[in-house]
Amino acid sequence: MHRHVDGLHPTSGRVMGTRSGDLDPGVHTYLLGGENMSVSQAQEVVTQNCGLLALTGSSDFRDITSLAKGGDERALLGLEVWA
């Protein structure tokens, strides 16, 4: 019996509160080389500082949906990307 696995890393799949979701492999090269980040710094960026937080300014769906109801463009974009 084959069991589906979404990915080997917590960032694989869809955008989440602070996680990036699937990334182009070139992003890692850019962060490590172009931005001179250490592996742990790059890991922190894609697991704790991306996703809805980077798109909307919040990782809390309650805040994001409230902002979206008020017409906030960043919140609306974040919800669109997430959906």
N, C-alpha and C. Protein backbone atom coordinates (compact mmCIF):
# COMPACT_ATOMS: atom_id res chain seq x y z
N MET A 1 0.85 -1.18 0.00
CA MET A 1 0.00 0.00 0.00
C MET A 1 0.90 1.24 0.00
N HIS A 2 0.65 2.13 -0.94
CA HIS A 2 1.42 3.37 -1.04
C HIS A 2 0.72 4.46 -0.26
N ARG A 3 1.48 5.14 0.55
CA ARG A 3 0.94 6.26 1.31
C ARG A 3 1.49 7.55 0.75
N HIS A 4 0.63 8.53 0.51
CA HIS A 4 1.04 9.81 -0.05
C HIS A 4 1.83 10.60 0.99
N VAL A 5 2.95 11.15 0.57
CA VAL A 5 3.76 12.01 1.42
C VAL A 5 3.84 13.37 0.76
N ASP A 6 3.49 14.41 1.50
CA ASP A 6 3.50 15.77 0.93
C ASP A 6 4.90 16.27 0.67
N GLY A 7 5.86 15.89 1.46
CA GLY A 7 7.22 16.36 1.26
C GLY A 7 8.10 15.98 2.43
N LEU A 8 9.38 16.17 2.24
CA LEU A 8 10.33 15.82 3.29
C LEU A 8 10.65 16.99 4.20
N HIS A 9 10.18 18.14 3.89
CA HIS A 9 10.50 19.33 4.65
C HIS A 9 9.21 20.04 5.04
N PRO A 10 9.19 20.67 6.22
CA PRO A 10 7.95 21.32 6.65
C PRO A 10 7.49 22.48 5.77
N THR A 11 8.35 22.94 4.86
CA THR A 11 7.92 24.02 3.98
C THR A 11 7.27 23.52 2.71
N SER A 12 7.36 22.23 2.43
CA SER A 12 6.77 21.74 1.19
C SER A 12 5.25 21.80 1.27
N GLY A 13 4.64 21.98 0.13
CA GLY A 13 3.19 22.08 0.08
C GLY A 13 2.73 23.52 -0.04
N ARG A 14 1.62 23.82 0.59
CA ARG A 14 1.00 25.14 0.44
C ARG A 14 1.57 26.15 1.42
N VAL A 15 1.36 27.41 1.11
CA VAL A 15 1.74 28.51 1.99
C VAL A 15 0.98 28.35 3.30
N MET A 16 1.68 28.59 4.40
CA MET A 16 1.04 28.52 5.72
C MET A 16 1.29 29.82 6.47
N GLY A 17 1.02 29.84 7.74
CA GLY A 17 1.15 31.05 8.54
C GLY A 17 2.52 31.70 8.45
N THR A 18 3.57 30.92 8.69
CA THR A 18 4.93 31.46 8.64
C THR A 18 5.83 30.69 7.68
N ARG A 19 5.33 29.64 7.09
CA ARG A 19 6.12 28.81 6.19
C ARG A 19 5.85 29.18 4.74
N SER A 20 6.90 29.10 3.96
CA SER A 20 6.86 29.57 2.57
C SER A 20 5.99 28.74 1.64
N GLY A 21 5.87 27.46 1.90
CA GLY A 21 5.29 26.57 0.91
C GLY A 21 6.37 26.20 -0.09
N ASP A 22 6.00 25.55 -1.17
CA ASP A 22 6.98 25.11 -2.16
C ASP A 22 7.79 26.29 -2.70
N LEU A 23 9.08 26.08 -2.83
CA LEU A 23 9.98 27.11 -3.33
C LEU A 23 10.75 26.61 -4.54
N ASP A 24 11.08 27.52 -5.41
CA ASP A 24 12.02 27.23 -6.48
C ASP A 24 13.36 26.92 -5.83
N PRO A 25 14.07 25.87 -6.26
CA PRO A 25 15.36 25.54 -5.65
C PRO A 25 16.37 26.67 -5.68
N GLY A 26 16.22 27.59 -6.61
CA GLY A 26 17.14 28.72 -6.70
C GLY A 26 17.05 29.67 -5.51
N VAL A 27 15.95 29.64 -4.79
CA VAL A 27 15.80 30.51 -3.62
C VAL A 27 16.87 30.18 -2.58
N HIS A 28 17.11 28.90 -2.37
CA HIS A 28 18.11 28.50 -1.38
C HIS A 28 19.50 28.98 -1.79
N THR A 29 19.81 28.84 -3.06
CA THR A 29 21.10 29.32 -3.57
C THR A 29 21.21 30.83 -3.36
N TYR A 30 20.15 31.55 -3.64
CA TYR A 30 20.15 33.00 -3.46
C TYR A 30 20.36 33.37 -2.00
N LEU A 31 19.62 32.74 -1.10
CA LEU A 31 19.75 33.07 0.32
C LEU A 31 21.15 32.74 0.85
N LEU A 32 21.67 31.59 0.46
CA LEU A 32 22.99 31.18 0.95
C LEU A 32 24.13 31.95 0.30
N GLY A 33 24.02 32.20 -1.00
CA GLY A 33 25.10 32.89 -1.71
C GLY A 33 24.89 34.37 -1.85
N GLY A 34 23.76 34.75 -2.42
CA GLY A 34 23.49 36.15 -2.70
C GLY A 34 23.25 37.00 -1.47
N GLU A 35 22.63 36.42 -0.47
CA GLU A 35 22.35 37.14 0.78
C GLU A 35 23.36 36.79 1.88
N ASN A 36 24.29 35.89 1.57
CA ASN A 36 25.33 35.46 2.52
C ASN A 36 24.77 34.96 3.85
N MET A 37 23.64 34.25 3.79
CA MET A 37 23.06 33.69 5.01
C MET A 37 23.69 32.34 5.31
N SER A 38 23.71 32.01 6.58
CA SER A 38 24.12 30.66 6.97
C SER A 38 22.94 29.73 6.68
N VAL A 39 23.18 28.44 6.73
CA VAL A 39 22.10 27.47 6.50
C VAL A 39 21.01 27.68 7.54
N SER A 40 21.38 27.88 8.80
CA SER A 40 20.36 28.06 9.84
C SER A 40 19.57 29.35 9.64
N GLN A 41 20.22 30.41 9.17
CA GLN A 41 19.49 31.66 8.89
C GLN A 41 18.50 31.47 7.74
N ALA A 42 18.94 30.80 6.68
CA ALA A 42 18.06 30.55 5.54
C ALA A 42 16.88 29.69 5.97
N GLN A 43 17.16 28.68 6.79
CA GLN A 43 16.11 27.80 7.30
C GLN A 43 15.09 28.61 8.10
N GLU A 44 15.56 29.51 8.92
CA GLU A 44 14.66 30.34 9.73
C GLU A 44 13.78 31.22 8.84
N VAL A 45 14.36 31.78 7.80
CA VAL A 45 13.59 32.63 6.90
C VAL A 45 12.43 31.85 6.29
N VAL A 46 12.69 30.67 5.73
CA VAL A 46 11.63 29.96 5.01
C VAL A 46 10.66 29.22 5.93
N THR A 47 11.02 29.04 7.20
CA THR A 47 10.10 28.34 8.11
C THR A 47 9.41 29.26 9.12
N GLN A 48 9.97 30.46 9.34
CA GLN A 48 9.40 31.31 10.38
C GLN A 48 9.09 32.73 9.94
N ASN A 49 9.59 33.15 8.79
CA ASN A 49 9.40 34.54 8.38
C ASN A 49 8.77 34.69 7.01
N CYS A 50 8.17 33.66 6.49
CA CYS A 50 7.57 33.71 5.15
C CYS A 50 6.06 33.50 5.26
N GLY A 51 5.50 32.93 4.24
CA GLY A 51 4.09 32.58 4.24
C GLY A 51 3.17 33.79 4.39
N LEU A 52 2.07 33.56 5.08
CA LEU A 52 1.09 34.62 5.27
C LEU A 52 1.66 35.78 6.07
N LEU A 53 2.58 35.50 6.97
CA LEU A 53 3.21 36.57 7.74
C LEU A 53 3.89 37.58 6.81
N ALA A 54 4.65 37.08 5.86
CA ALA A 54 5.35 37.97 4.93
C ALA A 54 4.38 38.66 3.97
N LEU A 55 3.34 37.96 3.58
CA LEU A 55 2.38 38.53 2.63
C LEU A 55 1.45 39.56 3.25
N THR A 56 1.03 39.30 4.49
CA THR A 56 -0.02 40.13 5.10
C THR A 56 0.41 40.92 6.31
N GLY A 57 1.52 40.53 6.93
CA GLY A 57 1.93 41.16 8.17
C GLY A 57 1.47 40.41 9.40
N SER A 58 0.71 39.33 9.21
CA SER A 58 0.22 38.52 10.31
C SER A 58 0.16 37.06 9.88
N SER A 59 0.33 36.16 10.85
CA SER A 59 0.18 34.74 10.56
C SER A 59 -1.12 34.21 11.17
N ASP A 60 -1.90 35.08 11.77
CA ASP A 60 -3.14 34.71 12.45
C ASP A 60 -4.32 34.93 11.50
N PHE A 61 -5.03 33.84 11.18
CA PHE A 61 -6.15 33.92 10.24
C PHE A 61 -7.24 34.87 10.73
N ARG A 62 -7.41 34.98 12.03
CA ARG A 62 -8.42 35.91 12.54
C ARG A 62 -8.08 37.34 12.15
N ASP A 63 -6.81 37.70 12.31
CA ASP A 63 -6.37 39.05 11.91
C ASP A 63 -6.49 39.23 10.40
N ILE A 64 -6.03 38.23 9.66
CA ILE A 64 -6.01 38.32 8.19
C ILE A 64 -7.43 38.46 7.64
N THR A 65 -8.35 37.63 8.13
CA THR A 65 -9.73 37.71 7.62
C THR A 65 -10.39 39.03 8.02
N SER A 66 -10.08 39.52 9.20
CA SER A 66 -10.63 40.81 9.62
C SER A 66 -10.11 41.93 8.72
N LEU A 67 -8.82 41.91 8.44
CA LEU A 67 -8.24 42.90 7.55
C LEU A 67 -8.82 42.79 6.13
N ALA A 68 -9.01 41.55 5.67
CA ALA A 68 -9.55 41.34 4.33
C ALA A 68 -10.98 41.87 4.23
N LYS A 69 -11.77 41.67 5.27
CA LYS A 69 -13.14 42.19 5.27
C LYS A 69 -13.14 43.71 5.18
N GLY A 70 -12.10 44.34 5.68
CA GLY A 70 -11.98 45.80 5.59
C GLY A 70 -11.35 46.26 4.30
N GLY A 71 -11.04 45.33 3.39
CA GLY A 71 -10.51 45.68 2.09
C GLY A 71 -8.99 45.77 2.01
N ASP A 72 -8.28 45.34 3.05
CA ASP A 72 -6.81 45.41 3.04
C ASP A 72 -6.26 44.55 1.90
N GLU A 73 -5.53 45.19 0.99
CA GLU A 73 -5.04 44.50 -0.21
C GLU A 73 -4.05 43.38 0.12
N ARG A 74 -3.18 43.60 1.10
CA ARG A 74 -2.22 42.55 1.47
C ARG A 74 -2.95 41.33 2.03
N ALA A 75 -3.96 41.57 2.85
CA ALA A 75 -4.73 40.45 3.43
C ALA A 75 -5.49 39.71 2.34
N LEU A 76 -6.07 40.44 1.41
CA LEU A 76 -6.80 39.81 0.31
C LEU A 76 -5.85 38.97 -0.54
N LEU A 77 -4.66 39.49 -0.82
CA LEU A 77 -3.67 38.73 -1.57
C LEU A 77 -3.25 37.48 -0.81
N GLY A 78 -3.00 37.63 0.48
CA GLY A 78 -2.60 36.48 1.30
C GLY A 78 -3.63 35.37 1.28
N LEU A 79 -4.90 35.73 1.41
CA LEU A 79 -5.96 34.73 1.36
C LEU A 79 -6.06 34.08 -0.02
N GLU A 80 -5.86 34.87 -1.05
CA GLU A 80 -5.90 34.32 -2.41
C GLU A 80 -4.76 33.33 -2.63
N VAL A 81 -3.56 33.68 -2.18
CA VAL A 81 -2.41 32.78 -2.32
C VAL A 81 -2.64 31.51 -1.51
N TRP A 82 -3.15 31.66 -0.29
CA TRP A 82 -3.39 30.51 0.57
C TRP A 82 -4.44 29.57 -0.03
N ALA A 83 -5.51 30.15 -0.60
CA ALA A 83 -6.59 29.34 -1.14
C ALA A 83 -6.14 28.66 -2.42
